[in-house]
Amino acid sequence: MWPEEEFDYIKLPDDDEGIHYGLFEGRELVSAVSLFIQGKDAQFRKFATLSERQNQGYGSRLLNAVLGEAKRKGAKHICCNARTNKIPFYEKFGLVRTNVVYRKGGQEYVVMERFC
């Protein structure tokens, strides 16, 4: 996700409250995402797939699993902070743009959401 940054750059204060998922090809971690659920609201964060493995379905498989898991755990609403260039990817999963847009680390993001 941020290969040019130190590992601590991706750490968040509430990481211990999330459920962290990984998709492996053999022993190689190919894609990862963290799911945070508070009551009926869920957010997935830190979703990344190795650049050389993108566009091969790994991220889609993992995201489908996490969206299903959020619903099974009682979430009625799920959101993410999507890089604006990835909006079409998230739209394939039923997420829609909100009006919340911001910049971080030189990237523009938009909050996307869907109701389960």
PDB file of N, CA and C in Angstrom:
ATOM      1  N   MET A   1       0.824  -1.189   0.000  1.00  0.00           N
ATOM      2  CA  MET A   1       0.000   0.000   0.000  1.00  0.00           C
ATOM      3  C   MET A   1       0.867   1.252   0.000  1.00  0.00           C
ATOM      4  N   TRP A   2       1.857   1.274   0.830  1.00  0.00           N
ATOM      5  CA  TRP A   2       2.807   2.396   0.910  1.00  0.00           C
ATOM      6  C   TRP A   2       4.213   1.814   0.919  1.00  0.00           C
ATOM      7  N   PRO A   3       4.657   1.189  -0.169  1.00  0.00           N
ATOM      8  CA  PRO A   3       5.949   0.497  -0.170  1.00  0.00           C
ATOM      9  C   PRO A   3       7.142   1.412   0.073  1.00  0.00           C
ATOM     10  N   GLU A   4       7.000   2.698  -0.202  1.00  0.00           N
ATOM     11  CA  GLU A   4       8.119   3.627  -0.009  1.00  0.00           C
ATOM     12  C   GLU A   4       8.221   4.132   1.431  1.00  0.00           C
ATOM     13  N   GLU A   5       7.246   3.783   2.272  1.00  0.00           N
ATOM     14  CA  GLU A   5       7.224   4.249   3.665  1.00  0.00           C
ATOM     15  C   GLU A   5       7.714   3.159   4.621  1.00  0.00           C
ATOM     16  N   GLU A   6       8.118   3.590   5.807  1.00  0.00           N
ATOM     17  CA  GLU A   6       8.473   2.645   6.864  1.00  0.00           C
ATOM     18  C   GLU A   6       7.202   1.933   7.334  1.00  0.00           C
ATOM     19  N   PHE A   7       7.352   0.742   7.912  1.00  0.00           N
ATOM     20  CA  PHE A   7       6.208  -0.053   8.355  1.00  0.00           C
ATOM     21  C   PHE A   7       5.327   0.714   9.343  1.00  0.00           C
ATOM     22  N   ASP A   8       5.923   1.493  10.227  1.00  0.00           N
ATOM     23  CA  ASP A   8       5.141   2.228  11.220  1.00  0.00           C
ATOM     24  C   ASP A   8       4.175   3.230  10.592  1.00  0.00           C
ATOM     25  N   TYR A   9       4.403   3.625   9.361  1.00  0.00           N
ATOM     26  CA  TYR A   9       3.540   4.585   8.684  1.00  0.00           C
ATOM     27  C   TYR A   9       2.108   4.057   8.560  1.00  0.00           C
ATOM     28  N   ILE A  10       1.955   2.746   8.408  1.00  0.00           N
ATOM     29  CA  ILE A  10       0.624   2.174   8.218  1.00  0.00           C
ATOM     30  C   ILE A  10      -0.067   1.802   9.529  1.00  0.00           C
ATOM     31  N   LYS A  11       0.637   1.875  10.630  1.00  0.00           N
ATOM     32  CA  LYS A  11       0.042   1.520  11.915  1.00  0.00           C
ATOM     33  C   LYS A  11      -0.927   2.600  12.373  1.00  0.00           C
ATOM     34  N   LEU A  12      -2.038   2.157  12.951  1.00  0.00           N
ATOM     35  CA  LEU A  12      -3.039   3.068  13.500  1.00  0.00           C
ATOM     36  C   LEU A  12      -3.233   2.757  14.973  1.00  0.00           C
ATOM     37  N   PRO A  13      -3.587   3.764  15.773  1.00  0.00           N
ATOM     38  CA  PRO A  13      -3.744   3.540  17.210  1.00  0.00           C
ATOM     39  C   PRO A  13      -4.749   2.445  17.572  1.00  0.00           C
ATOM     40  N   ASP A  14      -5.768   2.251  16.742  1.00  0.00           N
ATOM     41  CA  ASP A  14      -6.799   1.263  17.080  1.00  0.00           C
ATOM     42  C   ASP A  14      -6.643  -0.050  16.303  1.00  0.00           C
ATOM     43  N   ASP A  15      -5.467  -0.322  15.776  1.00  0.00           N
ATOM     44  CA  ASP A  15      -5.259  -1.559  15.017  1.00  0.00           C
ATOM     45  C   ASP A  15      -5.624  -2.813  15.811  1.00  0.00           C
ATOM     46  N   ASP A  16      -5.420  -2.793  17.100  1.00  0.00           N
ATOM     47  CA  ASP A  16      -5.726  -3.972  17.916  1.00  0.00           C
ATOM     48  C   ASP A  16      -7.226  -4.233  18.013  1.00  0.00           C
ATOM     49  N   GLU A  17      -8.062  -3.288  17.603  1.00  0.00           N
ATOM     50  CA  GLU A  17      -9.513  -3.462  17.629  1.00  0.00           C
ATOM     51  C   GLU A  17     -10.049  -4.048  16.330  1.00  0.00           C
ATOM     52  N   GLY A  18      -9.208  -4.151  15.321  1.00  0.00           N
ATOM     53  CA  GLY A  18      -9.650  -4.659  14.026  1.00  0.00           C
ATOM     54  C   GLY A  18      -9.423  -6.148  13.889  1.00  0.00           C
ATOM     55  N   ILE A  19     -10.052  -6.687  12.847  1.00  0.00           N
ATOM     56  CA  ILE A  19      -9.843  -8.074  12.453  1.00  0.00           C
ATOM     57  C   ILE A  19      -9.048  -7.989  11.146  1.00  0.00           C
ATOM     58  N   HIS A  20      -7.911  -8.632  11.106  1.00  0.00           N
ATOM     59  CA  HIS A  20      -6.997  -8.488   9.983  1.00  0.00           C
ATOM     60  C   HIS A  20      -7.006  -9.770   9.151  1.00  0.00           C
ATOM     61  N   TYR A  21      -7.209  -9.601   7.852  1.00  0.00           N
ATOM     62  CA  TYR A  21      -7.341 -10.723   6.937  1.00  0.00           C
ATOM     63  C   TYR A  21      -6.229 -10.680   5.901  1.00  0.00           C
ATOM     64  N   GLY A  22      -5.821 -11.855   5.480  1.00  0.00           N
ATOM     65  CA  GLY A  22      -4.827 -11.947   4.424  1.00  0.00           C
ATOM     66  C   GLY A  22      -5.187 -13.056   3.460  1.00  0.00           C
ATOM     67  N   LEU A  23      -4.868 -12.863   2.206  1.00  0.00           N
ATOM     68  CA  LEU A  23      -5.058 -13.879   1.177  1.00  0.00           C
ATOM     69  C   LEU A  23      -3.669 -14.324   0.740  1.00  0.00           C
ATOM     70  N   PHE A  24      -3.436 -15.603   0.833  1.00  0.00           N
ATOM     71  CA  PHE A  24      -2.124 -16.159   0.527  1.00  0.00           C
ATOM     72  C   PHE A  24      -2.171 -16.988  -0.744  1.00  0.00           C
ATOM     73  N   GLU A  25      -1.106 -16.930  -1.489  1.00  0.00           N
ATOM     74  CA  GLU A  25      -0.852 -17.827  -2.607  1.00  0.00           C
ATOM     75  C   GLU A  25       0.348 -18.645  -2.154  1.00  0.00           C
ATOM     76  N   GLY A  26       0.098 -19.884  -1.745  1.00  0.00           N
ATOM     77  CA  GLY A  26       1.154 -20.667  -1.112  1.00  0.00           C
ATOM     78  C   GLY A  26       1.534 -20.003   0.199  1.00  0.00           C
ATOM     79  N   ARG A  27       2.779 -19.633   0.358  1.00  0.00           N
ATOM     80  CA  ARG A  27       3.246 -18.959   1.578  1.00  0.00           C
ATOM     81  C   ARG A  27       3.347 -17.446   1.417  1.00  0.00           C
ATOM     82  N   GLU A  28       3.004 -16.954   0.228  1.00  0.00           N
ATOM     83  CA  GLU A  28       3.144 -15.524  -0.049  1.00  0.00           C
ATOM     84  C   GLU A  28       1.846 -14.774   0.275  1.00  0.00           C
ATOM     85  N   LEU A  29       1.956 -13.755   1.119  1.00  0.00           N
ATOM     86  CA  LEU A  29       0.822 -12.882   1.398  1.00  0.00           C
ATOM     87  C   LEU A  29       0.637 -11.980   0.185  1.00  0.00           C
ATOM     88  N   VAL A  30      -0.506 -12.124  -0.487  1.00  0.00           N
ATOM     89  CA  VAL A  30      -0.757 -11.414  -1.734  1.00  0.00           C
ATOM     90  C   VAL A  30      -1.636 -10.188  -1.509  1.00  0.00           C
ATOM     91  N   SER A  31      -2.607 -10.311  -0.621  1.00  0.00           N
ATOM     92  CA  SER A  31      -3.549  -9.220  -0.383  1.00  0.00           C
ATOM     93  C   SER A  31      -3.922  -9.217   1.094  1.00  0.00           C
ATOM     94  N   ALA A  32      -4.172  -8.016   1.632  1.00  0.00           N
ATOM     95  CA  ALA A  32      -4.507  -7.878   3.049  1.00  0.00           C
ATOM     96  C   ALA A  32      -5.519  -6.752   3.227  1.00  0.00           C
ATOM     97  N   VAL A  33      -6.311  -6.866   4.281  1.00  0.00           N
ATOM     98  CA  VAL A  33      -7.295  -5.835   4.617  1.00  0.00           C
ATOM     99  C   VAL A  33      -7.618  -5.964   6.098  1.00  0.00           C
ATOM    100  N   SER A  34      -7.996  -4.849   6.703  1.00  0.00           N
ATOM    101  CA  SER A  34      -8.399  -4.835   8.111  1.00  0.00           C
ATOM    102  C   SER A  34      -9.849  -4.396   8.188  1.00  0.00           C
ATOM    103  N   LEU A  35     -10.626  -5.073   9.038  1.00  0.00           N
ATOM    104  CA  LEU A  35     -12.047  -4.788   9.215  1.00  0.00           C
ATOM    105  C   LEU A  35     -12.289  -4.315  10.638  1.00  0.00           C
ATOM    106  N   PHE A  36     -12.985  -3.191  10.752  1.00  0.00           N
ATOM    107  CA  PHE A  36     -13.319  -2.612  12.056  1.00  0.00           C
ATOM    108  C   PHE A  36     -14.829  -2.512  12.142  1.00  0.00           C
ATOM    109  N   ILE A  37     -15.403  -3.102  13.188  1.00  0.00           N
ATOM    110  CA  ILE A  37     -16.856  -3.097  13.356  1.00  0.00           C
ATOM    111  C   ILE A  37     -17.189  -2.458  14.689  1.00  0.00           C
ATOM    112  N   GLN A  38     -18.124  -1.501  14.636  1.00  0.00           N
ATOM    113  CA  GLN A  38     -18.645  -0.882  15.853  1.00  0.00           C
ATOM    114  C   GLN A  38     -20.158  -0.888  15.734  1.00  0.00           C
ATOM    115  N   GLY A  39     -20.790  -1.804  16.461  1.00  0.00           N
ATOM    116  CA  GLY A  39     -22.237  -1.932  16.378  1.00  0.00           C
ATOM    117  C   GLY A  39     -22.658  -2.359  14.987  1.00  0.00           C
ATOM    118  N   LYS A  40     -23.510  -1.571  14.368  1.00  0.00           N
ATOM    119  CA  LYS A  40     -24.028  -1.881  13.025  1.00  0.00           C
ATOM    120  C   LYS A  40     -23.181  -1.261  11.911  1.00  0.00           C
ATOM    121  N   ASP A  41     -22.121  -0.542  12.282  1.00  0.00           N
ATOM    122  CA  ASP A  41     -21.251   0.112  11.299  1.00  0.00           C
ATOM    123  C   ASP A  41     -19.918  -0.617  11.196  1.00  0.00           C
ATOM    124  N   ALA A  42     -19.445  -0.737   9.965  1.00  0.00           N
ATOM    125  CA  ALA A  42     -18.148  -1.374   9.722  1.00  0.00           C
ATOM    126  C   ALA A  42     -17.357  -0.513   8.749  1.00  0.00           C
ATOM    127  N   GLN A  43     -16.053  -0.642   8.851  1.00  0.00           N
ATOM    128  CA  GLN A  43     -15.161   0.034   7.923  1.00  0.00           C
ATOM    129  C   GLN A  43     -14.020  -0.918   7.606  1.00  0.00           C
ATOM    130  N   PHE A  44     -13.680  -1.027   6.327  1.00  0.00           N
ATOM    131  CA  PHE A  44     -12.464  -1.766   6.001  1.00  0.00           C
ATOM    132  C   PHE A  44     -11.398  -0.754   5.617  1.00  0.00           C
ATOM    133  N   ARG A  45     -10.192  -1.042   6.080  1.00  0.00           N
ATOM    134  CA  ARG A  45      -9.064  -0.128   5.898  1.00  0.00           C
ATOM    135  C   ARG A  45      -7.829  -0.932   5.531  1.00  0.00           C
ATOM    136  N   LYS A  46      -6.855  -0.208   5.055  1.00  0.00           N
ATOM    137  CA  LYS A  46      -5.544  -0.786   4.756  1.00  0.00           C
ATOM    138  C   LYS A  46      -5.659  -1.984   3.810  1.00  0.00           C
ATOM    139  N   PHE A  47      -6.497  -1.833   2.799  1.00  0.00           N
ATOM    140  CA  PHE A  47      -6.708  -2.860   1.795  1.00  0.00           C
ATOM    141  C   PHE A  47      -5.633  -2.710   0.724  1.00  0.00           C
ATOM    142  N   ALA A  48      -4.855  -3.752   0.527  1.00  0.00           N
ATOM    143  CA  ALA A  48      -3.765  -3.677  -0.441  1.00  0.00           C
ATOM    144  C   ALA A  48      -3.482  -5.050  -1.037  1.00  0.00           C
ATOM    145  N   THR A  49      -3.073  -5.017  -2.290  1.00  0.00           N
ATOM    146  CA  THR A  49      -2.635  -6.217  -3.000  1.00  0.00           C
ATOM    147  C   THR A  49      -1.267  -5.905  -3.591  1.00  0.00           C
ATOM    148  N   LEU A  50      -0.377  -6.869  -3.549  1.00  0.00           N
ATOM    149  CA  LEU A  50       0.942  -6.666  -4.144  1.00  0.00           C
ATOM    150  C   LEU A  50       0.777  -6.125  -5.565  1.00  0.00           C
ATOM    151  N   SER A  51       1.556  -5.135  -5.909  1.00  0.00           N
ATOM    152  CA  SER A  51       1.391  -4.493  -7.218  1.00  0.00           C
ATOM    153  C   SER A  51       1.522  -5.489  -8.371  1.00  0.00           C
ATOM    154  N   GLU A  52       2.431  -6.439  -8.255  1.00  0.00           N
ATOM    155  CA  GLU A  52       2.608  -7.406  -9.342  1.00  0.00           C
ATOM    156  C   GLU A  52       1.500  -8.454  -9.396  1.00  0.00           C
ATOM    157  N   ARG A  53       0.619  -8.464  -8.399  1.00  0.00           N
ATOM    158  CA  ARG A  53      -0.497  -9.420  -8.359  1.00  0.00           C
ATOM    159  C   ARG A  53      -1.854  -8.743  -8.562  1.00  0.00           C
ATOM    160  N   GLN A  54      -1.862  -7.444  -8.807  1.00  0.00           N
ATOM    161  CA  GLN A  54      -3.116  -6.740  -9.028  1.00  0.00           C
ATOM    162  C   GLN A  54      -3.721  -7.136 -10.364  1.00  0.00           C
ATOM    163  N   ASN A  55      -5.029  -6.958 -10.460  1.00  0.00           N
ATOM    164  CA  ASN A  55      -5.800  -7.278 -11.668  1.00  0.00           C
ATOM    165  C   ASN A  55      -5.803  -8.769 -11.994  1.00  0.00           C
ATOM    166  N   GLN A  56      -5.648  -9.591 -10.952  1.00  0.00           N
ATOM    167  CA  GLN A  56      -5.710 -11.045 -11.124  1.00  0.00           C
ATOM    168  C   GLN A  56      -6.811 -11.660 -10.268  1.00  0.00           C
ATOM    169  N   GLY A  57      -7.616 -10.817  -9.597  1.00  0.00           N
ATOM    170  CA  GLY A  57      -8.752 -11.311  -8.823  1.00  0.00           C
ATOM    171  C   GLY A  57      -8.494 -11.532  -7.348  1.00  0.00           C
ATOM    172  N   TYR A  58      -7.269 -11.383  -6.891  1.00  0.00           N
ATOM    173  CA  TYR A  58      -6.970 -11.615  -5.478  1.00  0.00           C
ATOM    174  C   TYR A  58      -7.706 -10.626  -4.574  1.00  0.00           C
ATOM    175  N   GLY A  59      -7.596  -9.352  -4.881  1.00  0.00           N
ATOM    176  CA  GLY A  59      -8.261  -8.340  -4.067  1.00  0.00           C
ATOM    177  C   GLY A  59      -9.765  -8.511  -4.076  1.00  0.00           C
ATOM    178  N   SER A  60     -10.331  -8.843  -5.214  1.00  0.00           N
ATOM    179  CA  SER A  60     -11.780  -9.056  -5.303  1.00  0.00           C
ATOM    180  C   SER A  60     -12.220 -10.217  -4.428  1.00  0.00           C
ATOM    181  N   ARG A  61     -11.472 -11.300  -4.465  1.00  0.00           N
ATOM    182  CA  ARG A  61     -11.817 -12.455  -3.615  1.00  0.00           C
ATOM    183  C   ARG A  61     -11.771 -12.077  -2.146  1.00  0.00           C
ATOM    184  N   LEU A  62     -10.718 -11.366  -1.754  1.00  0.00           N
ATOM    185  CA  LEU A  62     -10.579 -10.992  -0.351  1.00  0.00           C
ATOM    186  C   LEU A  62     -11.667 -10.004   0.059  1.00  0.00           C
ATOM    187  N   LEU A  63     -11.942  -9.013  -0.766  1.00  0.00           N
ATOM    188  CA  LEU A  63     -12.961  -8.033  -0.420  1.00  0.00           C
ATOM    189  C   LEU A  63     -14.339  -8.676  -0.330  1.00  0.00           C
ATOM    190  N   ASN A  64     -14.680  -9.572  -1.237  1.00  0.00           N
ATOM    191  CA  ASN A  64     -15.958 -10.291  -1.139  1.00  0.00           C
ATOM    192  C   ASN A  64     -16.069 -11.035   0.180  1.00  0.00           C
ATOM    193  N   ALA A  65     -14.996 -11.684   0.599  1.00  0.00           N
ATOM    194  CA  ALA A  65     -15.008 -12.419   1.867  1.00  0.00           C
ATOM    195  C   ALA A  65     -15.204 -11.476   3.041  1.00  0.00           C
ATOM    196  N   VAL A  66     -14.536 -10.340   3.032  1.00  0.00           N
ATOM    197  CA  VAL A  66     -14.631  -9.390   4.150  1.00  0.00           C
ATOM    198  C   VAL A  66     -16.005  -8.725   4.196  1.00  0.00           C
ATOM    199  N   LEU A  67     -16.568  -8.399   3.041  1.00  0.00           N
ATOM    200  CA  LEU A  67     -17.920  -7.829   3.025  1.00  0.00           C
ATOM    201  C   LEU A  67     -18.927  -8.831   3.589  1.00  0.00           C
ATOM    202  N   GLY A  68     -18.783 -10.092   3.218  1.00  0.00           N
ATOM    203  CA  GLY A  68     -19.643 -11.140   3.768  1.00  0.00           C
ATOM    204  C   GLY A  68     -19.456 -11.302   5.264  1.00  0.00           C
ATOM    205  N   GLU A  69     -18.235 -11.237   5.716  1.00  0.00           N
ATOM    206  CA  GLU A  69     -17.937 -11.364   7.152  1.00  0.00           C
ATOM    207  C   GLU A  69     -18.546 -10.213   7.939  1.00  0.00           C
ATOM    208  N   ALA A  70     -18.445  -9.008   7.408  1.00  0.00           N
ATOM    209  CA  ALA A  70     -19.043  -7.847   8.087  1.00  0.00           C
ATOM    210  C   ALA A  70     -20.548  -8.046   8.248  1.00  0.00           C
ATOM    211  N   LYS A  71     -21.194  -8.522   7.212  1.00  0.00           N
ATOM    212  CA  LYS A  71     -22.645  -8.764   7.274  1.00  0.00           C
ATOM    213  C   LYS A  71     -22.968  -9.856   8.289  1.00  0.00           C
ATOM    214  N   ARG A  72     -22.196 -10.944   8.278  1.00  0.00           N
ATOM    215  CA  ARG A  72     -22.413 -12.033   9.239  1.00  0.00           C
ATOM    216  C   ARG A  72     -22.241 -11.552  10.682  1.00  0.00           C
ATOM    217  N   LYS A  73     -21.398 -10.580  10.878  1.00  0.00           N
ATOM    218  CA  LYS A  73     -21.156 -10.060  12.219  1.00  0.00           C
ATOM    219  C   LYS A  73     -22.157  -8.960  12.595  1.00  0.00           C
ATOM    220  N   GLY A  74     -23.159  -8.732  11.748  1.00  0.00           N
ATOM    221  CA  GLY A  74     -24.239  -7.817  12.095  1.00  0.00           C
ATOM    222  C   GLY A  74     -24.133  -6.406  11.554  1.00  0.00           C
ATOM    223  N   ALA A  75     -23.128  -6.125  10.747  1.00  0.00           N
ATOM    224  CA  ALA A  75     -22.994  -4.776  10.192  1.00  0.00           C
ATOM    225  C   ALA A  75     -24.111  -4.527   9.179  1.00  0.00           C
ATOM    226  N   LYS A  76     -24.681  -3.348   9.251  1.00  0.00           N
ATOM    227  CA  LYS A  76     -25.719  -2.931   8.298  1.00  0.00           C
ATOM    228  C   LYS A  76     -25.190  -1.873   7.338  1.00  0.00           C
ATOM    229  N   HIS A  77     -24.047  -1.308   7.661  1.00  0.00           N
ATOM    230  CA  HIS A  77     -23.447  -0.234   6.867  1.00  0.00           C
ATOM    231  C   HIS A  77     -21.940  -0.477   6.866  1.00  0.00           C
ATOM    232  N   ILE A  78     -21.331  -0.359   5.685  1.00  0.00           N
ATOM    233  CA  ILE A  78     -19.883  -0.529   5.599  1.00  0.00           C
ATOM    234  C   ILE A  78     -19.316   0.577   4.715  1.00  0.00           C
ATOM    235  N   CYS A  79     -18.144   1.057   5.094  1.00  0.00           N
ATOM    236  CA  CYS A  79     -17.518   2.131   4.317  1.00  0.00           C
ATOM    237  C   CYS A  79     -16.014   1.894   4.215  1.00  0.00           C
ATOM    238  N   CYS A  80     -15.411   2.690   3.334  1.00  0.00           N
ATOM    239  CA  CYS A  80     -13.967   2.669   3.174  1.00  0.00           C
ATOM    240  C   CYS A  80     -13.517   4.029   2.667  1.00  0.00           C
ATOM    241  N   ASN A  81     -12.247   4.300   2.799  1.00  0.00           N
ATOM    242  CA  ASN A  81     -11.629   5.497   2.247  1.00  0.00           C
ATOM    243  C   ASN A  81     -10.887   5.047   0.997  1.00  0.00           C
ATOM    244  N   ALA A  82     -11.454   5.339  -0.150  1.00  0.00           N
ATOM    245  CA  ALA A  82     -10.927   4.829  -1.414  1.00  0.00           C
ATOM    246  C   ALA A  82     -10.083   5.870  -2.128  1.00  0.00           C
ATOM    247  N   ARG A  83      -8.954   5.452  -2.654  1.00  0.00           N
ATOM    248  CA  ARG A  83      -8.209   6.332  -3.550  1.00  0.00           C
ATOM    249  C   ARG A  83      -9.131   6.629  -4.733  1.00  0.00           C
ATOM    250  N   THR A  84      -9.174   7.872  -5.145  1.00  0.00           N
ATOM    251  CA  THR A  84     -10.130   8.244  -6.190  1.00  0.00           C
ATOM    252  C   THR A  84      -9.909   7.471  -7.493  1.00  0.00           C
ATOM    253  N   ASN A  85      -8.678   7.069  -7.768  1.00  0.00           N
ATOM    254  CA  ASN A  85      -8.449   6.304  -8.990  1.00  0.00           C
ATOM    255  C   ASN A  85      -8.949   4.864  -8.887  1.00  0.00           C
ATOM    256  N   LYS A  86      -9.372   4.444  -7.706  1.00  0.00           N
ATOM    257  CA  LYS A  86      -9.884   3.082  -7.502  1.00  0.00           C
ATOM    258  C   LYS A  86     -11.405   3.040  -7.353  1.00  0.00           C
ATOM    259  N   ILE A  87     -12.067   4.179  -7.529  1.00  0.00           N
ATOM    260  CA  ILE A  87     -13.524   4.234  -7.383  1.00  0.00           C
ATOM    261  C   ILE A  87     -14.222   3.164  -8.226  1.00  0.00           C
ATOM    262  N   PRO A  88     -13.887   2.992  -9.511  1.00  0.00           N
ATOM    263  CA  PRO A  88     -14.582   1.964 -10.304  1.00  0.00           C
ATOM    264  C   PRO A  88     -14.461   0.559  -9.719  1.00  0.00           C
ATOM    265  N   PHE A  89     -13.334   0.247  -9.102  1.00  0.00           N
ATOM    266  CA  PHE A  89     -13.162  -1.062  -8.469  1.00  0.00           C
ATOM    267  C   PHE A  89     -14.187  -1.250  -7.361  1.00  0.00           C
ATOM    268  N   TYR A  90     -14.325  -0.281  -6.475  1.00  0.00           N
ATOM    269  CA  TYR A  90     -15.243  -0.402  -5.350  1.00  0.00           C
ATOM    270  C   TYR A  90     -16.699  -0.352  -5.780  1.00  0.00           C
ATOM    271  N   GLU A  91     -16.988   0.350  -6.854  1.00  0.00           N
ATOM    272  CA  GLU A  91     -18.365   0.390  -7.357  1.00  0.00           C
ATOM    273  C   GLU A  91     -18.835  -0.996  -7.780  1.00  0.00           C
ATOM    274  N   LYS A  92     -17.925  -1.857  -8.226  1.00  0.00           N
ATOM    275  CA  LYS A  92     -18.291  -3.225  -8.600  1.00  0.00           C
ATOM    276  C   LYS A  92     -18.827  -4.020  -7.414  1.00  0.00           C
ATOM    277  N   PHE A  93     -18.543  -3.554  -6.202  1.00  0.00           N
ATOM    278  CA  PHE A  93     -18.985  -4.240  -4.986  1.00  0.00           C
ATOM    279  C   PHE A  93     -20.166  -3.523  -4.327  1.00  0.00           C
ATOM    280  N   GLY A  94     -20.762  -2.601  -5.061  1.00  0.00           N
ATOM    281  CA  GLY A  94     -21.950  -1.913  -4.560  1.00  0.00           C
ATOM    282  C   GLY A  94     -21.669  -0.716  -3.682  1.00  0.00           C
ATOM    283  N   LEU A  95     -20.420  -0.314  -3.549  1.00  0.00           N
ATOM    284  CA  LEU A  95     -20.119   0.885  -2.778  1.00  0.00           C
ATOM    285  C   LEU A  95     -20.355   2.113  -3.650  1.00  0.00           C
ATOM    286  N   VAL A  96     -20.870   3.181  -3.020  1.00  0.00           N
ATOM    287  CA  VAL A  96     -21.121   4.429  -3.737  1.00  0.00           C
ATOM    288  C   VAL A  96     -20.351   5.552  -3.064  1.00  0.00           C
ATOM    289  N   ARG A  97     -20.019   6.539  -3.847  1.00  0.00           N
ATOM    290  CA  ARG A  97     -19.277   7.696  -3.346  1.00  0.00           C
ATOM    291  C   ARG A  97     -20.141   8.537  -2.413  1.00  0.00           C
ATOM    292  N   THR A  98     -19.477   9.107  -1.434  1.00  0.00           N
ATOM    293  CA  THR A  98     -20.107  10.146  -0.622  1.00  0.00           C
ATOM    294  C   THR A  98     -19.477  11.471  -1.064  1.00  0.00           C
ATOM    295  N   ASN A  99     -19.852  12.541  -0.394  1.00  0.00           N
ATOM    296  CA  ASN A  99     -19.282  13.853  -0.700  1.00  0.00           C
ATOM    297  C   ASN A  99     -18.009  14.132   0.092  1.00  0.00           C
ATOM    298  N   VAL A 100     -17.550  13.172   0.882  1.00  0.00           N
ATOM    299  CA  VAL A 100     -16.365  13.360   1.710  1.00  0.00           C
ATOM    300  C   VAL A 100     -15.122  13.016   0.896  1.00  0.00           C
ATOM    301  N   VAL A 101     -14.306  14.011   0.632  1.00  0.00           N
ATOM    302  CA  VAL A 101     -13.075  13.860  -0.139  1.00  0.00           C
ATOM    303  C   VAL A 101     -11.950  14.512   0.662  1.00  0.00           C
ATOM    304  N   TYR A 102     -10.778  13.881   0.691  1.00  0.00           N
ATOM    305  CA  TYR A 102      -9.633  14.454   1.406  1.00  0.00           C
ATOM    306  C   TYR A 102      -8.341  13.972   0.776  1.00  0.00           C
ATOM    307  N   ARG A 103      -7.240  14.571   1.192  1.00  0.00           N
ATOM    308  CA  ARG A 103      -5.906  14.194   0.717  1.00  0.00           C
ATOM    309  C   ARG A 103      -5.078  13.669   1.886  1.00  0.00           C
ATOM    310  N   LYS A 104      -4.273  12.655   1.583  1.00  0.00           N
ATOM    311  CA  LYS A 104      -3.323  12.117   2.562  1.00  0.00           C
ATOM    312  C   LYS A 104      -2.163  11.517   1.786  1.00  0.00           C
ATOM    313  N   GLY A 105      -0.957  11.822   2.219  1.00  0.00           N
ATOM    314  CA  GLY A 105       0.226  11.232   1.604  1.00  0.00           C
ATOM    315  C   GLY A 105       0.307  11.485   0.108  1.00  0.00           C
ATOM    316  N   GLY A 106      -0.191  12.628  -0.337  1.00  0.00           N
ATOM    317  CA  GLY A 106      -0.145  12.961  -1.753  1.00  0.00           C
ATOM    318  C   GLY A 106      -1.219  12.279  -2.597  1.00  0.00           C
ATOM    319  N   GLN A 107      -2.135  11.569  -1.953  1.00  0.00           N
ATOM    320  CA  GLN A 107      -3.215  10.869  -2.655  1.00  0.00           C
ATOM    321  C   GLN A 107      -4.555  11.514  -2.312  1.00  0.00           C
ATOM    322  N   GLU A 108      -5.482  11.495  -3.265  1.00  0.00           N
ATOM    323  CA  GLU A 108      -6.835  11.971  -3.001  1.00  0.00           C
ATOM    324  C   GLU A 108      -7.733  10.769  -2.718  1.00  0.00           C
ATOM    325  N   TYR A 109      -8.545  10.895  -1.680  1.00  0.00           N
ATOM    326  CA  TYR A 109      -9.439   9.827  -1.246  1.00  0.00           C
ATOM    327  C   TYR A 109     -10.876  10.318  -1.222  1.00  0.00           C
ATOM    328  N   VAL A 110     -11.791   9.386  -1.376  1.00  0.00           N
ATOM    329  CA  VAL A 110     -13.213   9.653  -1.206  1.00  0.00           C
ATOM    330  C   VAL A 110     -13.771   8.545  -0.317  1.00  0.00           C
ATOM    331  N   VAL A 111     -14.662   8.920   0.596  1.00  0.00           N
ATOM    332  CA  VAL A 111     -15.332   7.920   1.425  1.00  0.00           C
ATOM    333  C   VAL A 111     -16.417   7.276   0.566  1.00  0.00           C
ATOM    334  N   MET A 112     -16.415   5.948   0.548  1.00  0.00           N
ATOM    335  CA  MET A 112     -17.431   5.191  -0.175  1.00  0.00           C
ATOM    336  C   MET A 112     -18.157   4.297   0.820  1.00  0.00           C
ATOM    337  N   GLU A 113     -19.428   4.004   0.532  1.00  0.00           N
ATOM    338  CA  GLU A 113     -20.221   3.239   1.482  1.00  0.00           C
ATOM    339  C   GLU A 113     -21.271   2.389   0.778  1.00  0.00           C
ATOM    340  N   ARG A 114     -21.781   1.444   1.528  1.00  0.00           N
ATOM    341  CA  ARG A 114     -22.944   0.672   1.083  1.00  0.00           C
ATOM    342  C   ARG A 114     -23.683   0.178   2.314  1.00  0.00           C
ATOM    343  N   PHE A 115     -24.946  -0.106   2.117  1.00  0.00           N
ATOM    344  CA  PHE A 115     -25.758  -0.650   3.188  1.00  0.00           C
ATOM    345  C   PHE A 115     -25.981  -2.117   2.903  1.00  0.00           C
ATOM    346  N   CYS A 116     -25.822  -2.925   3.935  1.00  0.00           N
ATOM    347  CA  CYS A 116     -25.906  -4.386   3.772  1.00  0.00           C
ATOM    348  C   CYS A 116     -27.357  -4.844   3.775  1.00  0.00           C
TER     349      CYS A 116
END
